[in-house]
Amino acid sequence: MKAIPVKLAEIYVPAKFKGTLDEAKTAALADEIVGDGGLKVPIQVRRDEAQKRYVLVAGLHRLEAMRALGEATIACYIVAARKF
C-alpha cells in the first residue's frame, strides 16, 4: 500500500477519538518525528465522498503531533472502512 499526502485540514477526527488524546504522548511523538527526520508510519484514513473529506481511522497522536509541528500535510494510507 502506498501512502499519499493529505492536508491536515481535510481530515475529520470522529467523536470516538475525543478524550483519548494524551498530550505527553503527542509531544514525545513530535520530538521523535523531528529527530528521525519525518513521520515514519503513515496514519490511516478513509474517504468521505459525501462531505469531501477524509475520516481518521488510526493515528490520532501522529496526526496531532504533525499539527503541533505546524505541518500542512501528513502521509496517509487510504483504507476501506465502514462508518461507525
N, C-alpha and C. Protein backbone atom coordinates (compact mmCIF):
# COMPACT_ATOMS: atom_id res chain seq x y z
N MET A 1 0.85 -1.17 0.00
CA MET A 1 0.00 0.00 0.00
C MET A 1 0.90 1.24 0.00
N LYS A 2 0.54 2.19 -0.82
CA LYS A 2 1.34 3.41 -0.94
C LYS A 2 0.66 4.55 -0.18
N ALA A 3 1.46 5.28 0.59
CA ALA A 3 0.95 6.42 1.33
C ALA A 3 0.87 7.64 0.43
N ILE A 4 -0.14 8.48 0.65
CA ILE A 4 -0.28 9.73 -0.09
C ILE A 4 -0.35 10.89 0.90
N PRO A 5 0.11 12.07 0.50
CA PRO A 5 0.00 13.22 1.39
C PRO A 5 -1.43 13.77 1.37
N VAL A 6 -1.95 14.07 2.56
CA VAL A 6 -3.29 14.64 2.69
C VAL A 6 -3.17 15.89 3.57
N LYS A 7 -3.89 16.94 3.21
CA LYS A 7 -3.89 18.16 4.01
C LYS A 7 -4.53 17.88 5.37
N LEU A 8 -3.89 18.36 6.43
CA LEU A 8 -4.43 18.17 7.77
C LEU A 8 -5.84 18.74 7.89
N ALA A 9 -6.09 19.84 7.22
CA ALA A 9 -7.40 20.49 7.27
C ALA A 9 -8.50 19.64 6.66
N GLU A 10 -8.15 18.65 5.85
CA GLU A 10 -9.14 17.79 5.20
C GLU A 10 -9.43 16.52 5.99
N ILE A 11 -8.84 16.38 7.17
CA ILE A 11 -9.02 15.16 7.97
C ILE A 11 -9.93 15.45 9.15
N TYR A 12 -11.05 14.73 9.19
CA TYR A 12 -12.02 14.84 10.28
C TYR A 12 -11.69 13.79 11.34
N VAL A 13 -11.70 14.20 12.60
CA VAL A 13 -11.46 13.28 13.72
C VAL A 13 -12.81 12.95 14.34
N PRO A 14 -13.25 11.68 14.26
CA PRO A 14 -14.55 11.28 14.80
C PRO A 14 -14.64 11.45 16.32
N ALA A 15 -15.85 11.56 16.80
CA ALA A 15 -16.11 11.74 18.23
C ALA A 15 -15.52 10.61 19.08
N LYS A 16 -15.42 9.41 18.53
CA LYS A 16 -14.90 8.28 19.31
C LYS A 16 -13.46 8.51 19.76
N PHE A 17 -12.74 9.41 19.11
CA PHE A 17 -11.36 9.73 19.49
C PHE A 17 -11.29 10.83 20.54
N LYS A 18 -12.37 11.58 20.72
CA LYS A 18 -12.38 12.68 21.67
C LYS A 18 -12.12 12.14 23.08
N GLY A 19 -11.27 12.79 23.80
CA GLY A 19 -10.96 12.36 25.16
C GLY A 19 -9.87 11.30 25.25
N THR A 20 -9.37 10.82 24.11
CA THR A 20 -8.34 9.79 24.13
C THR A 20 -6.95 10.36 23.86
N LEU A 21 -6.88 11.65 23.62
CA LEU A 21 -5.60 12.28 23.29
C LEU A 21 -4.75 12.44 24.54
N ASP A 22 -3.53 11.93 24.49
CA ASP A 22 -2.55 12.04 25.57
C ASP A 22 -1.51 13.06 25.12
N GLU A 23 -1.55 14.24 25.75
CA GLU A 23 -0.66 15.34 25.35
C GLU A 23 0.81 14.96 25.46
N ALA A 24 1.17 14.19 26.49
CA ALA A 24 2.57 13.79 26.67
C ALA A 24 3.02 12.88 25.52
N LYS A 25 2.13 11.97 25.12
CA LYS A 25 2.46 11.07 24.01
C LYS A 25 2.59 11.85 22.70
N THR A 26 1.71 12.83 22.52
CA THR A 26 1.77 13.66 21.32
C THR A 26 3.08 14.45 21.27
N ALA A 27 3.49 15.02 22.41
CA ALA A 27 4.74 15.78 22.47
C ALA A 27 5.94 14.88 22.20
N ALA A 28 5.92 13.67 22.77
CA ALA A 28 7.03 12.72 22.55
C ALA A 28 7.10 12.32 21.08
N LEU A 29 5.95 12.10 20.46
CA LEU A 29 5.92 11.76 19.03
C LEU A 29 6.44 12.92 18.18
N ALA A 30 6.08 14.14 18.54
CA ALA A 30 6.56 15.30 17.79
C ALA A 30 8.09 15.37 17.86
N ASP A 31 8.64 15.14 19.05
CA ASP A 31 10.10 15.13 19.20
C ASP A 31 10.73 14.02 18.37
N GLU A 32 10.09 12.86 18.35
CA GLU A 32 10.60 11.72 17.57
C GLU A 32 10.56 12.02 16.07
N ILE A 33 9.48 12.64 15.63
CA ILE A 33 9.33 12.99 14.21
C ILE A 33 10.44 13.95 13.79
N VAL A 34 10.71 14.94 14.63
CA VAL A 34 11.78 15.91 14.33
C VAL A 34 13.14 15.21 14.35
N GLY A 35 13.38 14.38 15.36
CA GLY A 35 14.66 13.71 15.50
C GLY A 35 14.94 12.68 14.43
N ASP A 36 13.89 12.03 13.94
CA ASP A 36 14.05 10.98 12.93
C ASP A 36 13.95 11.51 11.50
N GLY A 37 13.72 12.79 11.35
CA GLY A 37 13.64 13.36 10.01
C GLY A 37 12.31 13.17 9.32
N GLY A 38 11.25 12.99 10.08
CA GLY A 38 9.92 12.88 9.49
C GLY A 38 9.11 11.74 10.06
N LEU A 39 7.86 11.71 9.70
CA LEU A 39 6.94 10.67 10.13
C LEU A 39 7.30 9.36 9.46
N LYS A 40 7.45 8.31 10.23
CA LYS A 40 7.86 7.01 9.68
C LYS A 40 6.68 6.11 9.32
N VAL A 41 5.58 6.20 10.10
CA VAL A 41 4.42 5.34 9.88
C VAL A 41 3.22 6.22 9.54
N PRO A 42 2.70 6.12 8.32
CA PRO A 42 1.54 6.93 7.93
C PRO A 42 0.31 6.60 8.77
N ILE A 43 -0.59 7.57 8.89
CA ILE A 43 -1.86 7.33 9.56
C ILE A 43 -2.81 6.66 8.57
N GLN A 44 -3.95 6.19 9.08
CA GLN A 44 -4.96 5.57 8.22
C GLN A 44 -6.21 6.43 8.22
N VAL A 45 -6.71 6.70 7.02
CA VAL A 45 -7.93 7.46 6.85
C VAL A 45 -8.81 6.76 5.82
N ARG A 46 -10.09 7.10 5.86
CA ARG A 46 -11.00 6.63 4.81
C ARG A 46 -11.60 7.86 4.14
N ARG A 47 -12.02 7.69 2.92
CA ARG A 47 -12.64 8.80 2.19
C ARG A 47 -14.10 8.95 2.63
N ASP A 48 -14.54 10.18 2.72
CA ASP A 48 -15.94 10.50 2.95
C ASP A 48 -16.34 11.38 1.77
N GLU A 49 -16.79 10.73 0.72
CA GLU A 49 -17.11 11.44 -0.52
C GLU A 49 -18.25 12.45 -0.33
N ALA A 50 -19.22 12.10 0.52
CA ALA A 50 -20.36 12.99 0.72
C ALA A 50 -19.94 14.33 1.32
N GLN A 51 -18.98 14.30 2.23
CA GLN A 51 -18.51 15.52 2.89
C GLN A 51 -17.25 16.09 2.25
N LYS A 52 -16.72 15.39 1.25
CA LYS A 52 -15.49 15.81 0.57
C LYS A 52 -14.34 16.01 1.56
N ARG A 53 -14.11 14.96 2.36
CA ARG A 53 -13.05 14.98 3.36
C ARG A 53 -12.56 13.56 3.62
N TYR A 54 -11.59 13.45 4.50
CA TYR A 54 -11.10 12.16 4.96
C TYR A 54 -11.47 12.01 6.43
N VAL A 55 -11.70 10.78 6.85
CA VAL A 55 -12.05 10.49 8.24
C VAL A 55 -10.93 9.65 8.85
N LEU A 56 -10.43 10.07 9.99
CA LEU A 56 -9.36 9.35 10.66
C LEU A 56 -9.83 7.97 11.11
N VAL A 57 -9.04 6.95 10.80
CA VAL A 57 -9.31 5.58 11.23
C VAL A 57 -8.31 5.19 12.32
N ALA A 58 -7.04 5.54 12.13
CA ALA A 58 -6.00 5.23 13.12
C ALA A 58 -4.87 6.24 13.00
N GLY A 59 -4.33 6.66 14.16
CA GLY A 59 -3.18 7.55 14.15
C GLY A 59 -3.43 8.93 14.74
N LEU A 60 -4.31 9.01 15.73
CA LEU A 60 -4.64 10.31 16.32
C LEU A 60 -3.41 11.04 16.84
N HIS A 61 -2.55 10.35 17.57
CA HIS A 61 -1.38 11.02 18.16
C HIS A 61 -0.39 11.48 17.08
N ARG A 62 -0.23 10.69 16.03
CA ARG A 62 0.64 11.10 14.93
C ARG A 62 0.07 12.33 14.24
N LEU A 63 -1.24 12.33 14.02
CA LEU A 63 -1.92 13.47 13.39
C LEU A 63 -1.72 14.74 14.23
N GLU A 64 -1.96 14.64 15.52
CA GLU A 64 -1.84 15.81 16.38
C GLU A 64 -0.39 16.25 16.55
N ALA A 65 0.55 15.32 16.51
CA ALA A 65 1.97 15.68 16.57
C ALA A 65 2.36 16.49 15.34
N MET A 66 1.90 16.06 14.18
CA MET A 66 2.20 16.80 12.94
C MET A 66 1.54 18.18 12.97
N ARG A 67 0.33 18.24 13.50
CA ARG A 67 -0.37 19.53 13.63
C ARG A 67 0.43 20.46 14.57
N ALA A 68 0.92 19.91 15.68
CA ALA A 68 1.70 20.69 16.65
C ALA A 68 3.00 21.21 16.03
N LEU A 69 3.55 20.45 15.09
CA LEU A 69 4.78 20.86 14.42
C LEU A 69 4.54 21.89 13.31
N GLY A 70 3.27 22.20 13.06
CA GLY A 70 2.94 23.19 12.05
C GLY A 70 2.95 22.67 10.63
N GLU A 71 2.90 21.35 10.48
CA GLU A 71 2.88 20.75 9.14
C GLU A 71 1.53 20.98 8.48
N ALA A 72 1.51 21.08 7.17
CA ALA A 72 0.28 21.28 6.41
C ALA A 72 -0.30 19.96 5.91
N THR A 73 0.56 18.95 5.72
CA THR A 73 0.11 17.66 5.20
C THR A 73 0.68 16.54 6.06
N ILE A 74 0.09 15.35 5.90
CA ILE A 74 0.56 14.15 6.59
C ILE A 74 0.42 12.97 5.64
N ALA A 75 1.35 12.03 5.75
CA ALA A 75 1.29 10.81 4.92
C ALA A 75 0.16 9.92 5.44
N CYS A 76 -0.67 9.45 4.50
CA CYS A 76 -1.84 8.64 4.87
C CYS A 76 -1.96 7.41 3.99
N TYR A 77 -2.42 6.35 4.61
CA TYR A 77 -2.90 5.19 3.87
C TYR A 77 -4.40 5.37 3.76
N ILE A 78 -4.93 5.25 2.55
CA ILE A 78 -6.37 5.31 2.35
C ILE A 78 -6.90 3.89 2.47
N VAL A 79 -7.78 3.68 3.44
CA VAL A 79 -8.29 2.34 3.70
C VAL A 79 -9.80 2.31 3.48
N ALA A 80 -10.30 1.12 3.23
CA ALA A 80 -11.74 0.91 3.14
C ALA A 80 -12.22 0.56 4.54
N ALA A 81 -13.04 1.40 5.12
CA ALA A 81 -13.55 1.16 6.47
C ALA A 81 -15.01 1.57 6.50
N ARG A 82 -15.77 0.81 7.24
CA ARG A 82 -17.19 1.15 7.33
C ARG A 82 -17.39 2.26 8.34
N LYS A 83 -18.50 2.95 8.23
CA LYS A 83 -18.83 4.02 9.17
C LYS A 83 -19.27 3.39 10.48
N PHE A 84 -18.96 4.04 11.58
CA PHE A 84 -19.35 3.54 12.91
C PHE A 84 -20.48 4.36 13.46
